[in-house]
């Protein structure tokens, strides 16, 4: 499966890229996020077994939580946008 993944804001600096072409066998957005996270705990909470809060994740411009079973397909564009809070 070929995907385009775009990292926004400071996440692009943290992960070292703003945009990547991703090739993999994963079939859900959760699986892709886990693979991208690579056990670093930046994007995925391994204790709660879910994507970490503080990120907006869009698949073709639509919130991933609205996708049926979080399924993705070849050619999808995934944007990961960190939510920054001031205080």
N, C-alpha and C. Protein backbone atom coordinates (compact mmCIF):
# COMPACT_ATOMS: atom_id res chain seq x y z
N UNK A 1 0.84 -1.17 0.00
CA UNK A 1 0.00 0.00 0.00
C UNK A 1 0.89 1.24 0.00
N UNK A 2 0.61 2.16 -0.89
CA UNK A 2 1.39 3.38 -1.01
C UNK A 2 0.57 4.55 -0.46
N UNK A 3 1.15 5.28 0.50
CA UNK A 3 0.50 6.41 1.14
C UNK A 3 1.42 7.62 1.12
N UNK A 4 0.84 8.80 1.18
CA UNK A 4 1.61 10.02 1.41
C UNK A 4 1.29 10.46 2.83
N UNK A 5 2.33 10.68 3.62
CA UNK A 5 2.14 11.10 5.01
C UNK A 5 2.80 12.46 5.19
N UNK A 6 2.02 13.41 5.70
CA UNK A 6 2.48 14.78 5.89
C UNK A 6 2.48 15.09 7.38
N UNK A 7 3.62 15.52 7.88
CA UNK A 7 3.76 15.92 9.28
C UNK A 7 3.73 17.44 9.34
N UNK A 8 2.89 17.99 10.19
CA UNK A 8 2.75 19.44 10.31
C UNK A 8 3.44 19.95 11.57
N UNK A 9 3.79 21.24 11.53
CA UNK A 9 4.33 21.94 12.70
C UNK A 9 5.61 21.31 13.23
N UNK A 10 5.77 21.35 14.56
CA UNK A 10 7.01 20.85 15.16
C UNK A 10 7.21 19.35 14.98
N UNK A 11 6.16 18.63 14.64
CA UNK A 11 6.29 17.19 14.42
C UNK A 11 7.22 16.90 13.25
N UNK A 12 7.21 17.75 12.23
CA UNK A 12 8.11 17.57 11.09
C UNK A 12 9.56 17.64 11.52
N UNK A 13 9.86 18.53 12.46
CA UNK A 13 11.23 18.66 12.97
C UNK A 13 11.58 17.45 13.84
N UNK A 14 10.66 17.05 14.70
CA UNK A 14 10.89 15.92 15.61
C UNK A 14 11.16 14.64 14.84
N UNK A 15 10.39 14.40 13.78
CA UNK A 15 10.52 13.16 13.02
C UNK A 15 11.49 13.27 11.84
N UNK A 16 11.96 14.48 11.55
CA UNK A 16 12.99 14.67 10.54
C UNK A 16 12.49 14.82 9.12
N UNK A 17 11.18 14.85 8.90
CA UNK A 17 10.63 15.00 7.56
C UNK A 17 9.30 15.72 7.63
N UNK A 18 8.99 16.46 6.58
CA UNK A 18 7.68 17.10 6.50
C UNK A 18 6.70 16.22 5.72
N UNK A 19 7.24 15.46 4.76
CA UNK A 19 6.39 14.63 3.92
C UNK A 19 7.16 13.38 3.53
N UNK A 20 6.50 12.23 3.62
CA UNK A 20 7.14 10.99 3.20
C UNK A 20 6.18 10.19 2.32
N UNK A 21 6.75 9.42 1.45
CA UNK A 21 5.99 8.44 0.67
C UNK A 21 6.17 7.13 1.41
N UNK A 22 5.08 6.55 1.83
CA UNK A 22 5.09 5.37 2.70
C UNK A 22 4.60 4.15 1.93
N UNK A 23 5.35 3.08 2.01
CA UNK A 23 4.95 1.80 1.42
C UNK A 23 4.90 0.76 2.52
N UNK A 24 3.78 0.10 2.68
CA UNK A 24 3.65 -0.90 3.72
C UNK A 24 2.44 -1.77 3.51
N UNK A 25 2.29 -2.75 4.37
CA UNK A 25 1.18 -3.70 4.29
C UNK A 25 0.06 -3.38 5.26
N UNK A 26 0.23 -2.34 6.09
CA UNK A 26 -0.77 -2.01 7.10
C UNK A 26 -2.10 -1.63 6.44
N UNK A 27 -3.19 -2.01 7.09
CA UNK A 27 -4.52 -1.78 6.52
C UNK A 27 -5.34 -0.78 7.33
N UNK A 28 -4.84 -0.34 8.48
CA UNK A 28 -5.58 0.63 9.28
C UNK A 28 -4.65 1.79 9.66
N UNK A 29 -5.26 2.91 9.99
CA UNK A 29 -4.49 4.08 10.38
C UNK A 29 -3.73 3.81 11.68
N UNK A 30 -4.31 3.04 12.58
CA UNK A 30 -3.64 2.70 13.84
C UNK A 30 -2.35 1.93 13.56
N UNK A 31 -2.40 0.96 12.66
CA UNK A 31 -1.22 0.17 12.31
C UNK A 31 -0.13 1.06 11.70
N UNK A 32 -0.53 1.99 10.84
CA UNK A 32 0.44 2.90 10.21
C UNK A 32 1.09 3.79 11.27
N UNK A 33 0.29 4.34 12.18
CA UNK A 33 0.83 5.22 13.23
C UNK A 33 1.81 4.45 14.11
N UNK A 34 1.46 3.23 14.49
CA UNK A 34 2.38 2.40 15.29
C UNK A 34 3.70 2.18 14.55
N UNK A 35 3.62 1.90 13.27
CA UNK A 35 4.83 1.66 12.47
C UNK A 35 5.68 2.93 12.38
N UNK A 36 5.04 4.07 12.16
CA UNK A 36 5.76 5.35 12.10
C UNK A 36 6.41 5.68 13.44
N UNK A 37 5.71 5.36 14.53
CA UNK A 37 6.19 5.69 15.87
C UNK A 37 7.44 4.88 16.23
N UNK A 38 7.54 3.66 15.73
CA UNK A 38 8.74 2.84 15.90
C UNK A 38 9.15 2.72 17.37
N UNK A 39 8.18 2.47 18.25
CA UNK A 39 8.40 2.27 19.69
C UNK A 39 8.97 3.48 20.41
N UNK A 40 8.83 4.68 19.83
CA UNK A 40 9.36 5.89 20.46
C UNK A 40 8.35 6.53 21.41
N UNK A 41 7.06 6.24 21.26
CA UNK A 41 6.05 6.83 22.12
C UNK A 41 5.71 8.27 21.78
N UNK A 42 6.05 8.70 20.58
CA UNK A 42 5.73 10.07 20.16
C UNK A 42 4.29 10.16 19.69
N UNK A 43 3.88 9.21 18.86
CA UNK A 43 2.55 9.23 18.25
C UNK A 43 1.59 8.21 18.87
N UNK A 44 2.13 7.13 19.42
CA UNK A 44 1.31 6.03 19.88
C UNK A 44 1.55 5.75 21.36
N UNK A 45 0.46 5.58 22.10
CA UNK A 45 0.54 5.27 23.53
C UNK A 45 0.46 3.75 23.68
N UNK A 46 1.60 3.12 23.97
CA UNK A 46 1.66 1.67 24.03
C UNK A 46 0.95 1.11 25.25
N UNK A 47 0.83 1.89 26.30
CA UNK A 47 0.12 1.45 27.50
C UNK A 47 -1.40 1.43 27.25
N UNK A 48 -1.92 2.49 26.63
CA UNK A 48 -3.35 2.58 26.35
C UNK A 48 -3.74 1.92 25.02
N UNK A 49 -2.72 1.56 24.23
CA UNK A 49 -2.91 0.92 22.92
C UNK A 49 -3.80 1.75 22.00
N UNK A 50 -3.40 3.02 21.86
CA UNK A 50 -4.13 3.93 20.99
C UNK A 50 -3.22 5.09 20.57
N UNK A 51 -3.66 5.83 19.57
CA UNK A 51 -2.94 7.03 19.15
C UNK A 51 -2.98 8.02 20.31
N UNK A 52 -1.84 8.65 20.57
CA UNK A 52 -1.77 9.62 21.66
C UNK A 52 -2.70 10.80 21.43
N UNK A 53 -3.22 11.34 22.52
CA UNK A 53 -4.02 12.56 22.40
C UNK A 53 -3.07 13.70 22.05
N UNK A 54 -3.61 14.77 21.55
CA UNK A 54 -2.77 15.90 21.17
C UNK A 54 -2.44 15.96 19.69
N UNK A 55 -3.06 15.07 18.91
CA UNK A 55 -2.83 15.06 17.47
C UNK A 55 -4.16 15.04 16.73
N UNK A 56 -4.22 15.79 15.66
CA UNK A 56 -5.32 15.67 14.72
C UNK A 56 -4.77 14.86 13.56
N UNK A 57 -5.47 13.79 13.22
CA UNK A 57 -5.02 12.93 12.12
C UNK A 57 -6.12 12.90 11.07
N UNK A 58 -5.73 13.36 9.89
CA UNK A 58 -6.68 13.43 8.77
C UNK A 58 -6.28 12.43 7.70
N UNK A 59 -7.28 11.76 7.14
CA UNK A 59 -7.07 10.88 6.00
C UNK A 59 -7.89 11.47 4.86
N UNK A 60 -7.19 11.96 3.85
CA UNK A 60 -7.84 12.65 2.73
C UNK A 60 -8.72 13.80 3.22
N UNK A 61 -8.22 14.53 4.22
CA UNK A 61 -8.92 15.69 4.74
C UNK A 61 -10.03 15.40 5.74
N UNK A 62 -10.20 14.14 6.11
CA UNK A 62 -11.28 13.74 7.01
C UNK A 62 -10.68 13.13 8.29
N UNK A 63 -11.25 13.50 9.44
CA UNK A 63 -10.79 12.98 10.72
C UNK A 63 -10.81 11.44 10.69
N UNK A 64 -9.69 10.82 11.06
CA UNK A 64 -9.58 9.37 10.98
C UNK A 64 -10.64 8.65 11.81
N UNK A 65 -11.14 9.30 12.87
CA UNK A 65 -12.14 8.66 13.74
C UNK A 65 -13.48 8.48 13.03
N UNK A 66 -13.65 9.14 11.90
CA UNK A 66 -14.89 9.01 11.14
C UNK A 66 -14.82 7.92 10.07
N UNK A 67 -13.62 7.32 9.92
CA UNK A 67 -13.46 6.26 8.93
C UNK A 67 -14.06 4.96 9.44
N UNK A 68 -14.59 4.18 8.54
CA UNK A 68 -15.12 2.87 8.91
C UNK A 68 -13.96 1.96 9.32
N UNK A 69 -13.94 1.55 10.57
CA UNK A 69 -12.91 0.65 11.12
C UNK A 69 -11.48 1.17 10.91
N UNK A 70 -11.33 2.48 10.76
CA UNK A 70 -10.01 3.10 10.56
C UNK A 70 -9.27 2.54 9.34
N UNK A 71 -10.00 2.06 8.36
CA UNK A 71 -9.39 1.46 7.15
C UNK A 71 -8.78 2.54 6.27
N UNK A 72 -7.66 2.20 5.65
CA UNK A 72 -7.01 3.08 4.68
C UNK A 72 -6.88 2.32 3.37
N UNK A 73 -6.64 3.08 2.30
CA UNK A 73 -6.49 2.44 1.00
C UNK A 73 -5.31 3.05 0.25
N UNK A 74 -4.87 2.35 -0.74
CA UNK A 74 -3.75 2.79 -1.56
C UNK A 74 -4.01 4.20 -2.10
N UNK A 75 -3.02 5.08 -1.98
CA UNK A 75 -3.12 6.43 -2.49
C UNK A 75 -3.63 7.46 -1.50
N UNK A 76 -4.02 7.01 -0.30
CA UNK A 76 -4.52 7.95 0.71
C UNK A 76 -3.44 8.94 1.13
N UNK A 77 -3.88 10.12 1.52
CA UNK A 77 -2.98 11.15 2.06
C UNK A 77 -3.33 11.32 3.54
N UNK A 78 -2.33 11.10 4.38
CA UNK A 78 -2.52 11.20 5.82
C UNK A 78 -1.76 12.42 6.32
N UNK A 79 -2.46 13.28 7.06
CA UNK A 79 -1.82 14.44 7.68
C UNK A 79 -1.86 14.27 9.19
N UNK A 80 -0.74 14.50 9.84
CA UNK A 80 -0.65 14.41 11.29
C UNK A 80 -0.29 15.80 11.80
N UNK A 81 -1.22 16.37 12.57
CA UNK A 81 -1.09 17.75 13.02
C UNK A 81 -1.07 17.78 14.54
N UNK A 82 0.04 18.21 15.16
CA UNK A 82 0.05 18.32 16.62
C UNK A 82 -0.78 19.50 17.07
N UNK A 83 -1.46 19.32 18.19
CA UNK A 83 -2.24 20.40 18.79
C UNK A 83 -1.36 21.03 19.86
N UNK A 84 -1.04 22.30 19.68
CA UNK A 84 -0.19 23.00 20.65
C UNK A 84 -1.06 23.85 21.56
N UNK A 85 -0.76 23.75 22.84
CA UNK A 85 -1.52 24.53 23.83
C UNK A 85 -0.58 25.51 24.53
N UNK A 86 -1.07 26.71 24.73
CA UNK A 86 -0.30 27.69 25.48
C UNK A 86 -0.85 27.75 26.91
N UNK A 87 -0.11 28.40 27.75
CA UNK A 87 -0.60 28.42 29.13
C UNK A 87 -0.17 29.55 29.92
